[in-house]
Amino acid sequence: MSGGKRILVVEDELLLAMMLEDMIFELGHQVVGPALNLSDALSLARDETLDCAIIDLNLGRGVLSTPVAEILRERNIPFALSTGYGADPQLDSLGHTHLLGKPFAMNELRGALDALIG
């Protein structure tokens, strides 16, 4: 992949956020964030120039990233959901392009980014 796309990362677990950031850099893209909480994620989703996003569905303590998904959908920014809970038909309404099951490998991230930004 080339082009250095701007990818929003929303992940509440710092180590996972850092791992995802490293993987995205290795694929030649820029990371916006990472946002570790809903407040930061909402701000970045609203205000930053983004090509796509990888967002953790569950931000801990019962906080879901669905408001972030809504902003991205309104802005026509494609996004993948990252979750350790697997596929759920209720997630279909969020408008995500791809679902990344945690833990995921580099080739799965590459596939998700291909689906998001080609």
PDB file of N, CA and C in Angstrom:
ATOM      1  N   MET A   1       0.838  -1.182   0.000  1.00  0.00           N
ATOM      2  CA  MET A   1       0.000   0.000   0.000  1.00  0.00           C
ATOM      3  C   MET A   1       0.876   1.237   0.000  1.00  0.00           C
ATOM      4  N   SER A   2       0.472   2.207  -0.772  1.00  0.00           N
ATOM      5  CA  SER A   2       1.208   3.457  -0.754  1.00  0.00           C
ATOM      6  C   SER A   2       0.220   4.596  -0.612  1.00  0.00           C
ATOM      7  N   GLY A   3       0.734   5.760  -0.342  1.00  0.00           N
ATOM      8  CA  GLY A   3      -0.133   6.908  -0.244  1.00  0.00           C
ATOM      9  C   GLY A   3      -0.231   7.488   1.140  1.00  0.00           C
ATOM     10  N   GLY A   4       0.224   6.793   2.140  1.00  0.00           N
ATOM     11  CA  GLY A   4       0.233   7.324   3.488  1.00  0.00           C
ATOM     12  C   GLY A   4      -1.103   7.857   3.947  1.00  0.00           C
ATOM     13  N   LYS A   5      -2.120   7.049   3.941  1.00  0.00           N
ATOM     14  CA  LYS A   5      -3.456   7.449   4.374  1.00  0.00           C
ATOM     15  C   LYS A   5      -3.479   7.800   5.857  1.00  0.00           C
ATOM     16  N   ARG A   6      -4.403   8.687   6.220  1.00  0.00           N
ATOM     17  CA  ARG A   6      -4.577   9.104   7.619  1.00  0.00           C
ATOM     18  C   ARG A   6      -5.653   8.229   8.249  1.00  0.00           C
ATOM     19  N   ILE A   7      -5.235   7.430   9.237  1.00  0.00           N
ATOM     20  CA  ILE A   7      -6.110   6.428   9.838  1.00  0.00           C
ATOM     21  C   ILE A   7      -6.319   6.737  11.314  1.00  0.00           C
ATOM     22  N   LEU A   8      -7.573   6.976  11.673  1.00  0.00           N
ATOM     23  CA  LEU A   8      -7.924   7.175  13.070  1.00  0.00           C
ATOM     24  C   LEU A   8      -7.897   5.835  13.787  1.00  0.00           C
ATOM     25  N   VAL A   9      -7.225   5.801  14.929  1.00  0.00           N
ATOM     26  CA  VAL A   9      -7.194   4.603  15.761  1.00  0.00           C
ATOM     27  C   VAL A   9      -7.874   4.940  17.086  1.00  0.00           C
ATOM     28  N   VAL A  10      -8.901   4.165  17.418  1.00  0.00           N
ATOM     29  CA  VAL A  10      -9.606   4.292  18.689  1.00  0.00           C
ATOM     30  C   VAL A  10      -9.466   2.949  19.402  1.00  0.00           C
ATOM     31  N   GLU A  11      -8.726   2.955  20.502  1.00  0.00           N
ATOM     32  CA  GLU A  11      -8.443   1.723  21.261  1.00  0.00           C
ATOM     33  C   GLU A  11      -8.150   2.115  22.695  1.00  0.00           C
ATOM     34  N   ASP A  12      -8.910   1.576  23.635  1.00  0.00           N
ATOM     35  CA  ASP A  12      -8.750   1.979  25.032  1.00  0.00           C
ATOM     36  C   ASP A  12      -7.584   1.305  25.736  1.00  0.00           C
ATOM     37  N   GLU A  13      -7.090   0.211  25.198  1.00  0.00           N
ATOM     38  CA  GLU A  13      -5.964  -0.479  25.837  1.00  0.00           C
ATOM     39  C   GLU A  13      -4.666   0.003  25.200  1.00  0.00           C
ATOM     40  N   LEU A  14      -3.835   0.651  26.008  1.00  0.00           N
ATOM     41  CA  LEU A  14      -2.636   1.310  25.508  1.00  0.00           C
ATOM     42  C   LEU A  14      -1.722   0.376  24.726  1.00  0.00           C
ATOM     43  N   LEU A  15      -1.470  -0.820  25.230  1.00  0.00           N
ATOM     44  CA  LEU A  15      -0.573  -1.744  24.518  1.00  0.00           C
ATOM     45  C   LEU A  15      -1.127  -2.142  23.158  1.00  0.00           C
ATOM     46  N   LEU A  16      -2.427  -2.380  23.089  1.00  0.00           N
ATOM     47  CA  LEU A  16      -3.045  -2.713  21.801  1.00  0.00           C
ATOM     48  C   LEU A  16      -2.999  -1.519  20.858  1.00  0.00           C
ATOM     49  N   ALA A  17      -3.215  -0.323  21.393  1.00  0.00           N
ATOM     50  CA  ALA A  17      -3.147   0.886  20.575  1.00  0.00           C
ATOM     51  C   ALA A  17      -1.745   1.063  19.994  1.00  0.00           C
ATOM     52  N   MET A  18      -0.735   0.829  20.826  1.00  0.00           N
ATOM     53  CA  MET A  18       0.645   0.960  20.367  1.00  0.00           C
ATOM     54  C   MET A  18       0.982  -0.090  19.311  1.00  0.00           C
ATOM     55  N   MET A  19       0.505  -1.316  19.494  1.00  0.00           N
ATOM     56  CA  MET A  19       0.733  -2.377  18.524  1.00  0.00           C
ATOM     57  C   MET A  19       0.069  -2.027  17.192  1.00  0.00           C
ATOM     58  N   LEU A  20      -1.157  -1.559  17.254  1.00  0.00           N
ATOM     59  CA  LEU A  20      -1.880  -1.187  16.046  1.00  0.00           C
ATOM     60  C   LEU A  20      -1.199  -0.009  15.347  1.00  0.00           C
ATOM     61  N   GLU A  21      -0.740   0.938  16.131  1.00  0.00           N
ATOM     62  CA  GLU A  21      -0.014   2.081  15.579  1.00  0.00           C
ATOM     63  C   GLU A  21       1.238   1.617  14.830  1.00  0.00           C
ATOM     64  N   ASP A  22       2.007   0.722  15.430  1.00  0.00           N
ATOM     65  CA  ASP A  22       3.206   0.186  14.776  1.00  0.00           C
ATOM     66  C   ASP A  22       2.864  -0.526  13.475  1.00  0.00           C
ATOM     67  N   MET A  23       1.808  -1.313  13.493  1.00  0.00           N
ATOM     68  CA  MET A  23       1.403  -2.062  12.298  1.00  0.00           C
ATOM     69  C   MET A  23       1.001  -1.105  11.179  1.00  0.00           C
ATOM     70  N   ILE A  24       0.261  -0.059  11.521  1.00  0.00           N
ATOM     71  CA  ILE A  24      -0.191   0.907  10.511  1.00  0.00           C
ATOM     72  C   ILE A  24       1.007   1.653   9.927  1.00  0.00           C
ATOM     73  N   PHE A  25       1.957   2.045  10.783  1.00  0.00           N
ATOM     74  CA  PHE A  25       3.182   2.696  10.288  1.00  0.00           C
ATOM     75  C   PHE A  25       3.942   1.758   9.354  1.00  0.00           C
ATOM     76  N   GLU A  26       4.030   0.485   9.732  1.00  0.00           N
ATOM     77  CA  GLU A  26       4.736  -0.490   8.904  1.00  0.00           C
ATOM     78  C   GLU A  26       4.079  -0.647   7.536  1.00  0.00           C
ATOM     79  N   LEU A  27       2.781  -0.434   7.471  1.00  0.00           N
ATOM     80  CA  LEU A  27       2.062  -0.511   6.198  1.00  0.00           C
ATOM     81  C   LEU A  27       2.135   0.800   5.412  1.00  0.00           C
ATOM     82  N   GLY A  28       2.841   1.797   5.968  1.00  0.00           N
ATOM     83  CA  GLY A  28       3.090   3.036   5.242  1.00  0.00           C
ATOM     84  C   GLY A  28       2.057   4.129   5.431  1.00  0.00           C
ATOM     85  N   HIS A  29       1.287   4.058   6.495  1.00  0.00           N
ATOM     86  CA  HIS A  29       0.238   5.042   6.724  1.00  0.00           C
ATOM     87  C   HIS A  29       0.500   5.857   7.986  1.00  0.00           C
ATOM     88  N   GLN A  30      -0.278   6.910   8.161  1.00  0.00           N
ATOM     89  CA  GLN A  30      -0.190   7.779   9.332  1.00  0.00           C
ATOM     90  C   GLN A  30      -1.305   7.430  10.306  1.00  0.00           C
ATOM     91  N   VAL A  31      -1.001   7.499  11.589  1.00  0.00           N
ATOM     92  CA  VAL A  31      -2.000   7.266  12.626  1.00  0.00           C
ATOM     93  C   VAL A  31      -2.481   8.607  13.168  1.00  0.00           C
ATOM     94  N   VAL A  32      -3.783   8.753  13.219  1.00  0.00           N
ATOM     95  CA  VAL A  32      -4.399   9.889  13.896  1.00  0.00           C
ATOM     96  C   VAL A  32      -4.834   9.342  15.253  1.00  0.00           C
ATOM     97  N   GLY A  33      -4.308   9.936  16.302  1.00  0.00           N
ATOM     98  CA  GLY A  33      -4.529   9.410  17.651  1.00  0.00           C
ATOM     99  C   GLY A  33      -3.267   8.693  18.096  1.00  0.00           C
ATOM    100  N   PRO A  34      -3.386   7.611  18.765  1.00  0.00           N
ATOM    101  CA  PRO A  34      -4.626   6.890  19.038  1.00  0.00           C
ATOM    102  C   PRO A  34      -5.449   7.569  20.122  1.00  0.00           C
ATOM    103  N   ALA A  35      -6.767   7.446  19.975  1.00  0.00           N
ATOM    104  CA  ALA A  35      -7.694   7.929  20.992  1.00  0.00           C
ATOM    105  C   ALA A  35      -7.926   6.784  21.970  1.00  0.00           C
ATOM    106  N   LEU A  36      -7.674   7.043  23.238  1.00  0.00           N
ATOM    107  CA  LEU A  36      -7.800   6.013  24.265  1.00  0.00           C
ATOM    108  C   LEU A  36      -9.134   6.080  25.009  1.00  0.00           C
ATOM    109  N   ASN A  37      -9.931   7.113  24.713  1.00  0.00           N
ATOM    110  CA  ASN A  37     -11.225   7.246  25.391  1.00  0.00           C
ATOM    111  C   ASN A  37     -12.232   7.871  24.430  1.00  0.00           C
ATOM    112  N   LEU A  38     -13.493   7.821  24.822  1.00  0.00           N
ATOM    113  CA  LEU A  38     -14.567   8.285  23.944  1.00  0.00           C
ATOM    114  C   LEU A  38     -14.457   9.777  23.645  1.00  0.00           C
ATOM    115  N   SER A  39     -14.136  10.581  24.632  1.00  0.00           N
ATOM    116  CA  SER A  39     -14.044  12.027  24.436  1.00  0.00           C
ATOM    117  C   SER A  39     -13.023  12.378  23.356  1.00  0.00           C
ATOM    118  N   ASP A  40     -11.826  11.812  23.468  1.00  0.00           N
ATOM    119  CA  ASP A  40     -10.786  12.079  22.467  1.00  0.00           C
ATOM    120  C   ASP A  40     -11.191  11.535  21.104  1.00  0.00           C
ATOM    121  N   ALA A  41     -11.806  10.360  21.098  1.00  0.00           N
ATOM    122  CA  ALA A  41     -12.230   9.744  19.839  1.00  0.00           C
ATOM    123  C   ALA A  41     -13.261  10.605  19.126  1.00  0.00           C
ATOM    124  N   LEU A  42     -14.219  11.136  19.876  1.00  0.00           N
ATOM    125  CA  LEU A  42     -15.246  11.996  19.281  1.00  0.00           C
ATOM    126  C   LEU A  42     -14.625  13.244  18.683  1.00  0.00           C
ATOM    127  N   SER A  43     -13.707  13.844  19.395  1.00  0.00           N
ATOM    128  CA  SER A  43     -13.045  15.053  18.920  1.00  0.00           C
ATOM    129  C   SER A  43     -12.277  14.786  17.626  1.00  0.00           C
ATOM    130  N   LEU A  44     -11.494  13.731  17.608  1.00  0.00           N
ATOM    131  CA  LEU A  44     -10.715  13.396  16.413  1.00  0.00           C
ATOM    132  C   LEU A  44     -11.624  13.027  15.241  1.00  0.00           C
ATOM    133  N   ALA A  45     -12.669  12.268  15.510  1.00  0.00           N
ATOM    134  CA  ALA A  45     -13.593  11.851  14.452  1.00  0.00           C
ATOM    135  C   ALA A  45     -14.299  13.058  13.834  1.00  0.00           C
ATOM    136  N   ARG A  46     -14.589  14.061  14.641  1.00  0.00           N
ATOM    137  CA  ARG A  46     -15.270  15.271  14.167  1.00  0.00           C
ATOM    138  C   ARG A  46     -14.338  16.215  13.422  1.00  0.00           C
ATOM    139  N   ASP A  47     -13.109  16.376  13.944  1.00  0.00           N
ATOM    140  CA  ASP A  47     -12.279  17.501  13.526  1.00  0.00           C
ATOM    141  C   ASP A  47     -11.109  17.180  12.595  1.00  0.00           C
ATOM    142  N   GLU A  48     -10.676  15.951  12.550  1.00  0.00           N
ATOM    143  CA  GLU A  48      -9.480  15.613  11.774  1.00  0.00           C
ATOM    144  C   GLU A  48      -9.817  15.226  10.334  1.00  0.00           C
ATOM    145  N   THR A  49      -8.854  15.434   9.457  1.00  0.00           N
ATOM    146  CA  THR A  49      -8.943  14.918   8.097  1.00  0.00           C
ATOM    147  C   THR A  49      -8.568  13.446   8.158  1.00  0.00           C
ATOM    148  N   LEU A  50      -9.484  12.586   7.755  1.00  0.00           N
ATOM    149  CA  LEU A  50      -9.292  11.135   7.881  1.00  0.00           C
ATOM    150  C   LEU A  50      -9.618  10.440   6.570  1.00  0.00           C
ATOM    151  N   ASP A  51      -8.854   9.378   6.299  1.00  0.00           N
ATOM    152  CA  ASP A  51      -9.169   8.526   5.157  1.00  0.00           C
ATOM    153  C   ASP A  51      -9.991   7.317   5.580  1.00  0.00           C
ATOM    154  N   CYS A  52      -9.755   6.858   6.811  1.00  0.00           N
ATOM    155  CA  CYS A  52     -10.506   5.731   7.357  1.00  0.00           C
ATOM    156  C   CYS A  52     -10.207   5.622   8.846  1.00  0.00           C
ATOM    157  N   ALA A  53     -10.810   4.634   9.500  1.00  0.00           N
ATOM    158  CA  ALA A  53     -10.603   4.470  10.940  1.00  0.00           C
ATOM    159  C   ALA A  53     -10.705   3.011  11.332  1.00  0.00           C
ATOM    160  N   ILE A  54      -9.999   2.681  12.399  1.00  0.00           N
ATOM    161  CA  ILE A  54     -10.114   1.391  13.076  1.00  0.00           C
ATOM    162  C   ILE A  54     -10.572   1.732  14.489  1.00  0.00           C
ATOM    163  N   ILE A  55     -11.781   1.311  14.847  1.00  0.00           N
ATOM    164  CA  ILE A  55     -12.289   1.672  16.161  1.00  0.00           C
ATOM    165  C   ILE A  55     -12.657   0.438  16.973  1.00  0.00           C
ATOM    166  N   ASP A  56     -12.193   0.448  18.196  1.00  0.00           N
ATOM    167  CA  ASP A  56     -12.541  -0.582  19.165  1.00  0.00           C
ATOM    168  C   ASP A  56     -13.988  -0.347  19.563  1.00  0.00           C
ATOM    169  N   LEU A  57     -14.799  -1.374  19.509  1.00  0.00           N
ATOM    170  CA  LEU A  57     -16.209  -1.221  19.831  1.00  0.00           C
ATOM    171  C   LEU A  57     -16.432  -0.927  21.308  1.00  0.00           C
ATOM    172  N   ASN A  58     -15.736  -1.662  22.171  1.00  0.00           N
ATOM    173  CA  ASN A  58     -15.936  -1.539  23.617  1.00  0.00           C
ATOM    174  C   ASN A  58     -14.759  -0.780  24.210  1.00  0.00           C
ATOM    175  N   LEU A  59     -15.028   0.415  24.721  1.00  0.00           N
ATOM    176  CA  LEU A  59     -13.967   1.247  25.282  1.00  0.00           C
ATOM    177  C   LEU A  59     -13.851   1.098  26.791  1.00  0.00           C
ATOM    178  N   GLY A  60     -14.396   0.028  27.326  1.00  0.00           N
ATOM    179  CA  GLY A  60     -14.281  -0.265  28.748  1.00  0.00           C
ATOM    180  C   GLY A  60     -15.345   0.409  29.590  1.00  0.00           C
ATOM    181  N   ARG A  61     -15.618  -0.198  30.740  1.00  0.00           N
ATOM    182  CA  ARG A  61     -16.593   0.339  31.707  1.00  0.00           C
ATOM    183  C   ARG A  61     -17.957   0.603  31.081  1.00  0.00           C
ATOM    184  N   GLY A  62     -18.344  -0.247  30.127  1.00  0.00           N
ATOM    185  CA  GLY A  62     -19.656  -0.116  29.504  1.00  0.00           C
ATOM    186  C   GLY A  62     -19.766   0.976  28.459  1.00  0.00           C
ATOM    187  N   VAL A  63     -18.644   1.613  28.108  1.00  0.00           N
ATOM    188  CA  VAL A  63     -18.647   2.681  27.111  1.00  0.00           C
ATOM    189  C   VAL A  63     -18.422   2.074  25.734  1.00  0.00           C
ATOM    190  N   LEU A  64     -19.351   2.342  24.818  1.00  0.00           N
ATOM    191  CA  LEU A  64     -19.229   1.859  23.444  1.00  0.00           C
ATOM    192  C   LEU A  64     -18.851   3.014  22.521  1.00  0.00           C
ATOM    193  N   SER A  65     -18.206   2.685  21.438  1.00  0.00           N
ATOM    194  CA  SER A  65     -17.754   3.707  20.490  1.00  0.00           C
ATOM    195  C   SER A  65     -18.802   4.010  19.418  1.00  0.00           C
ATOM    196  N   THR A  66     -20.036   3.624  19.620  1.00  0.00           N
ATOM    197  CA  THR A  66     -21.071   3.854  18.607  1.00  0.00           C
ATOM    198  C   THR A  66     -21.231   5.334  18.232  1.00  0.00           C
ATOM    199  N   PRO A  67     -21.073   6.302  19.155  1.00  0.00           N
ATOM    200  CA  PRO A  67     -21.158   7.709  18.718  1.00  0.00           C
ATOM    201  C   PRO A  67     -20.041   8.087  17.733  1.00  0.00           C
ATOM    202  N   VAL A  68     -18.891   7.464  17.876  1.00  0.00           N
ATOM    203  CA  VAL A  68     -17.788   7.691  16.940  1.00  0.00           C
ATOM    204  C   VAL A  68     -18.173   7.130  15.573  1.00  0.00           C
ATOM    205  N   ALA A  69     -18.735   5.929  15.564  1.00  0.00           N
ATOM    206  CA  ALA A  69     -19.184   5.312  14.309  1.00  0.00           C
ATOM    207  C   ALA A  69     -20.210   6.195  13.609  1.00  0.00           C
ATOM    208  N   GLU A  70     -21.112   6.793  14.376  1.00  0.00           N
ATOM    209  CA  GLU A  70     -22.130   7.669  13.791  1.00  0.00           C
ATOM    210  C   GLU A  70     -21.498   8.886  13.121  1.00  0.00           C
ATOM    211  N   ILE A  71     -20.507   9.491  13.774  1.00  0.00           N
ATOM    212  CA  ILE A  71     -19.821  10.645  13.189  1.00  0.00           C
ATOM    213  C   ILE A  71     -19.106  10.244  11.909  1.00  0.00           C
ATOM    214  N   LEU A  72     -18.397   9.131  11.947  1.00  0.00           N
ATOM    215  CA  LEU A  72     -17.679   8.672  10.759  1.00  0.00           C
ATOM    216  C   LEU A  72     -18.644   8.383   9.617  1.00  0.00           C
ATOM    217  N   ARG A  73     -19.754   7.751   9.934  1.00  0.00           N
ATOM    218  CA  ARG A  73     -20.761   7.442   8.903  1.00  0.00           C
ATOM    219  C   ARG A  73     -21.304   8.740   8.300  1.00  0.00           C
ATOM    220  N   GLU A  74     -21.607   9.736   9.146  1.00  0.00           N
ATOM    221  CA  GLU A  74     -22.105  11.030   8.656  1.00  0.00           C
ATOM    222  C   GLU A  74     -21.094  11.724   7.760  1.00  0.00           C
ATOM    223  N   ARG A  75     -19.805  11.539   8.066  1.00  0.00           N
ATOM    224  CA  ARG A  75     -18.739  12.166   7.271  1.00  0.00           C
ATOM    225  C   ARG A  75     -18.310  11.309   6.085  1.00  0.00           C
ATOM    226  N   ASN A  76     -18.952  10.157   5.889  1.00  0.00           N
ATOM    227  CA  ASN A  76     -18.613   9.225   4.803  1.00  0.00           C
ATOM    228  C   ASN A  76     -17.168   8.742   4.889  1.00  0.00           C
ATOM    229  N   ILE A  77     -16.714   8.502   6.105  1.00  0.00           N
ATOM    230  CA  ILE A  77     -15.371   7.971   6.331  1.00  0.00           C
ATOM    231  C   ILE A  77     -15.520   6.486   6.644  1.00  0.00           C
ATOM    232  N   PRO A  78     -14.942   5.619   5.815  1.00  0.00           N
ATOM    233  CA  PRO A  78     -15.073   4.183   6.067  1.00  0.00           C
ATOM    234  C   PRO A  78     -14.315   3.771   7.329  1.00  0.00           C
ATOM    235  N   PHE A  79     -14.850   2.779   8.028  1.00  0.00           N
ATOM    236  CA  PHE A  79     -14.199   2.337   9.256  1.00  0.00           C
ATOM    237  C   PHE A  79     -14.412   0.847   9.470  1.00  0.00           C
ATOM    238  N   ALA A  80     -13.466   0.291  10.211  1.00  0.00           N
ATOM    239  CA  ALA A  80     -13.558  -1.103  10.645  1.00  0.00           C
ATOM    240  C   ALA A  80     -13.763  -1.109  12.145  1.00  0.00           C
ATOM    241  N   LEU A  81     -14.556  -2.047  12.613  1.00  0.00           N
ATOM    242  CA  LEU A  81     -14.716  -2.259  14.044  1.00  0.00           C
ATOM    243  C   LEU A  81     -13.727  -3.307  14.495  1.00  0.00           C
ATOM    244  N   SER A  82     -13.118  -3.061  15.621  1.00  0.00           N
ATOM    245  CA  SER A  82     -12.208  -4.014  16.239  1.00  0.00           C
ATOM    246  C   SER A  82     -12.878  -4.499  17.520  1.00  0.00           C
ATOM    247  N   THR A  83     -13.042  -5.809  17.650  1.00  0.00           N
ATOM    248  CA  THR A  83     -13.731  -6.332  18.822  1.00  0.00           C
ATOM    249  C   THR A  83     -13.235  -7.722  19.175  1.00  0.00           C
ATOM    250  N   GLY A  84     -13.256  -8.003  20.438  1.00  0.00           N
ATOM    251  CA  GLY A  84     -12.917  -9.336  20.914  1.00  0.00           C
ATOM    252  C   GLY A  84     -14.138 -10.203  21.107  1.00  0.00           C
ATOM    253  N   TYR A  85     -15.318  -9.669  20.769  1.00  0.00           N
ATOM    254  CA  TYR A  85     -16.565 -10.381  21.021  1.00  0.00           C
ATOM    255  C   TYR A  85     -17.129 -11.094  19.814  1.00  0.00           C
ATOM    256  N   GLY A  86     -16.523 -10.949  18.653  1.00  0.00           N
ATOM    257  CA  GLY A  86     -16.994 -11.643  17.467  1.00  0.00           C
ATOM    258  C   GLY A  86     -18.136 -10.920  16.777  1.00  0.00           C
ATOM    259  N   ALA A  87     -18.601 -11.518  15.698  1.00  0.00           N
ATOM    260  CA  ALA A  87     -19.665 -10.925  14.891  1.00  0.00           C
ATOM    261  C   ALA A  87     -20.983 -10.932  15.662  1.00  0.00           C
ATOM    262  N   ASP A  88     -21.749  -9.891  15.472  1.00  0.00           N
ATOM    263  CA  ASP A  88     -23.038  -9.746  16.127  1.00  0.00           C
ATOM    264  C   ASP A  88     -23.954  -9.015  15.148  1.00  0.00           C
ATOM    265  N   PRO A  89     -25.116  -9.595  14.821  1.00  0.00           N
ATOM    266  CA  PRO A  89     -26.013  -8.932  13.870  1.00  0.00           C
ATOM    267  C   PRO A  89     -26.390  -7.512  14.274  1.00  0.00           C
ATOM    268  N   GLN A  90     -26.365  -7.199  15.573  1.00  0.00           N
ATOM    269  CA  GLN A  90     -26.689  -5.854  16.024  1.00  0.00           C
ATOM    270  C   GLN A  90     -25.650  -4.832  15.548  1.00  0.00           C
ATOM    271  N   LEU A  91     -24.448  -5.302  15.232  1.00  0.00           N
ATOM    272  CA  LEU A  91     -23.393  -4.401  14.776  1.00  0.00           C
ATOM    273  C   LEU A  91     -23.624  -3.928  13.346  1.00  0.00           C
ATOM    274  N   ASP A  92     -24.422  -4.663  12.585  1.00  0.00           N
ATOM    275  CA  ASP A  92     -24.619  -4.337  11.177  1.00  0.00           C
ATOM    276  C   ASP A  92     -25.142  -2.926  10.964  1.00  0.00           C
ATOM    277  N   SER A  93     -25.877  -2.391  11.906  1.00  0.00           N
ATOM    278  CA  SER A  93     -26.461  -1.062  11.744  1.00  0.00           C
ATOM    279  C   SER A  93     -25.439   0.062  11.914  1.00  0.00           C
ATOM    280  N   LEU A  94     -24.229  -0.266  12.360  1.00  0.00           N
ATOM    281  CA  LEU A  94     -23.229   0.780  12.597  1.00  0.00           C
ATOM    282  C   LEU A  94     -22.608   1.312  11.315  1.00  0.00           C
ATOM    283  N   GLY A  95     -22.693   0.552  10.239  1.00  0.00           N
ATOM    284  CA  GLY A  95     -22.184   1.025   8.961  1.00  0.00           C
ATOM    285  C   GLY A  95     -20.714   0.762   8.717  1.00  0.00           C
ATOM    286  N   HIS A  96     -20.117  -0.145   9.485  1.00  0.00           N
ATOM    287  CA  HIS A  96     -18.705  -0.451   9.290  1.00  0.00           C
ATOM    288  C   HIS A  96     -18.502  -1.244   8.005  1.00  0.00           C
ATOM    289  N   THR A  97     -17.302  -1.132   7.471  1.00  0.00           N
ATOM    290  CA  THR A  97     -16.942  -1.838   6.256  1.00  0.00           C
ATOM    291  C   THR A  97     -16.349  -3.206   6.558  1.00  0.00           C
ATOM    292  N   HIS A  98     -15.730  -3.334   7.709  1.00  0.00           N
ATOM    293  CA  HIS A  98     -14.988  -4.552   8.032  1.00  0.00           C
ATOM    294  C   HIS A  98     -15.047  -4.790   9.541  1.00  0.00           C
ATOM    295  N   LEU A  99     -14.931  -6.045   9.941  1.00  0.00           N
ATOM    296  CA  LEU A  99     -14.883  -6.403  11.354  1.00  0.00           C
ATOM    297  C   LEU A  99     -13.571  -7.129  11.611  1.00  0.00           C
ATOM    298  N   LEU A 100     -12.772  -6.575  12.512  1.00  0.00           N
ATOM    299  CA  LEU A 100     -11.496  -7.189  12.898  1.00  0.00           C
ATOM    300  C   LEU A 100     -11.683  -7.848  14.260  1.00  0.00           C
ATOM    301  N   GLY A 101     -11.556  -9.156  14.305  1.00  0.00           N
ATOM    302  CA  GLY A 101     -11.644  -9.864  15.573  1.00  0.00           C
ATOM    303  C   GLY A 101     -10.306  -9.832  16.285  1.00  0.00           C
ATOM    304  N   LYS A 102     -10.333  -9.449  17.548  1.00  0.00           N
ATOM    305  CA  LYS A 102      -9.101  -9.416  18.348  1.00  0.00           C
ATOM    306  C   LYS A 102      -8.806 -10.811  18.867  1.00  0.00           C
ATOM    307  N   PRO A 103      -7.568 -11.198  18.936  1.00  0.00           N
ATOM    308  CA  PRO A 103      -6.408 -10.489  18.380  1.00  0.00           C
ATOM    309  C   PRO A 103      -6.338 -10.700  16.872  1.00  0.00           C
ATOM    310  N   PHE A 104      -5.749  -9.756  16.171  1.00  0.00           N
ATOM    311  CA  PHE A 104      -5.613  -9.890  14.726  1.00  0.00           C
ATOM    312  C   PHE A 104      -4.153  -9.723  14.333  1.00  0.00           C
ATOM    313  N   ALA A 105      -3.822 -10.305  13.192  1.00  0.00           N
ATOM    314  CA  ALA A 105      -2.450 -10.283  12.679  1.00  0.00           C
ATOM    315  C   ALA A 105      -2.315  -9.213  11.598  1.00  0.00           C
ATOM    316  N   MET A 106      -1.087  -8.971  11.210  1.00  0.00           N
ATOM    317  CA  MET A 106      -0.786  -7.956  10.196  1.00  0.00           C
ATOM    318  C   MET A 106      -1.567  -8.196   8.905  1.00  0.00           C
ATOM    319  N   ASN A 107      -1.645  -9.436   8.449  1.00  0.00           N
ATOM    320  CA  ASN A 107      -2.342  -9.706   7.189  1.00  0.00           C
ATOM    321  C   ASN A 107      -3.840  -9.393   7.310  1.00  0.00           C
ATOM    322  N   GLU A 108      -4.414  -9.574   8.497  1.00  0.00           N
ATOM    323  CA  GLU A 108      -5.826  -9.239   8.694  1.00  0.00           C
ATOM    324  C   GLU A 108      -6.017  -7.721   8.680  1.00  0.00           C
ATOM    325  N   LEU A 109      -5.096  -6.995   9.298  1.00  0.00           N
ATOM    326  CA  LEU A 109      -5.165  -5.532   9.257  1.00  0.00           C
ATOM    327  C   LEU A 109      -5.004  -5.045   7.828  1.00  0.00           C
ATOM    328  N   ARG A 110      -4.054  -5.601   7.101  1.00  0.00           N
ATOM    329  CA  ARG A 110      -3.835  -5.220   5.706  1.00  0.00           C
ATOM    330  C   ARG A 110      -5.117  -5.451   4.900  1.00  0.00           C
ATOM    331  N   GLY A 111      -5.774  -6.602   5.110  1.00  0.00           N
ATOM    332  CA  GLY A 111      -7.023  -6.891   4.415  1.00  0.00           C
ATOM    333  C   GLY A 111      -8.115  -5.889   4.754  1.00  0.00           C
ATOM    334  N   ALA A 112      -8.194  -5.526   6.029  1.00  0.00           N
ATOM    335  CA  ALA A 112      -9.203  -4.544   6.451  1.00  0.00           C
ATOM    336  C   ALA A 112      -8.926  -3.192   5.801  1.00  0.00           C
ATOM    337  N   LEU A 113      -7.655  -2.770   5.806  1.00  0.00           N
ATOM    338  CA  LEU A 113      -7.319  -1.487   5.190  1.00  0.00           C
ATOM    339  C   LEU A 113      -7.565  -1.507   3.681  1.00  0.00           C
ATOM    340  N   ASP A 114      -7.288  -2.648   3.041  1.00  0.00           N
ATOM    341  CA  ASP A 114      -7.600  -2.781   1.605  1.00  0.00           C
ATOM    342  C   ASP A 114      -9.087  -2.595   1.382  1.00  0.00           C
ATOM    343  N   ALA A 115      -9.907  -3.179   2.258  1.00  0.00           N
ATOM    344  CA  ALA A 115     -11.357  -3.052   2.138  1.00  0.00           C
ATOM    345  C   ALA A 115     -11.810  -1.607   2.370  1.00  0.00           C
ATOM    346  N   LEU A 116     -11.104  -0.906   3.262  1.00  0.00           N
ATOM    347  CA  LEU A 116     -11.493   0.453   3.610  1.00  0.00           C
ATOM    348  C   LEU A 116     -11.047   1.489   2.575  1.00  0.00           C
ATOM    349  N   ILE A 117      -9.815   1.369   2.124  1.00  0.00           N
ATOM    350  CA  ILE A 117      -9.243   2.429   1.288  1.00  0.00           C
ATOM    351  C   ILE A 117      -8.675   1.939  -0.043  1.00  0.00           C
ATOM    352  N   GLY A 118      -8.743   0.635  -0.264  1.00  0.00           N
ATOM    353  CA  GLY A 118      -8.318   0.087  -1.541  1.00  0.00           C
ATOM    354  C   GLY A 118      -6.844   0.046  -1.791  1.00  0.00           C
TER     355      GLY A 118
END
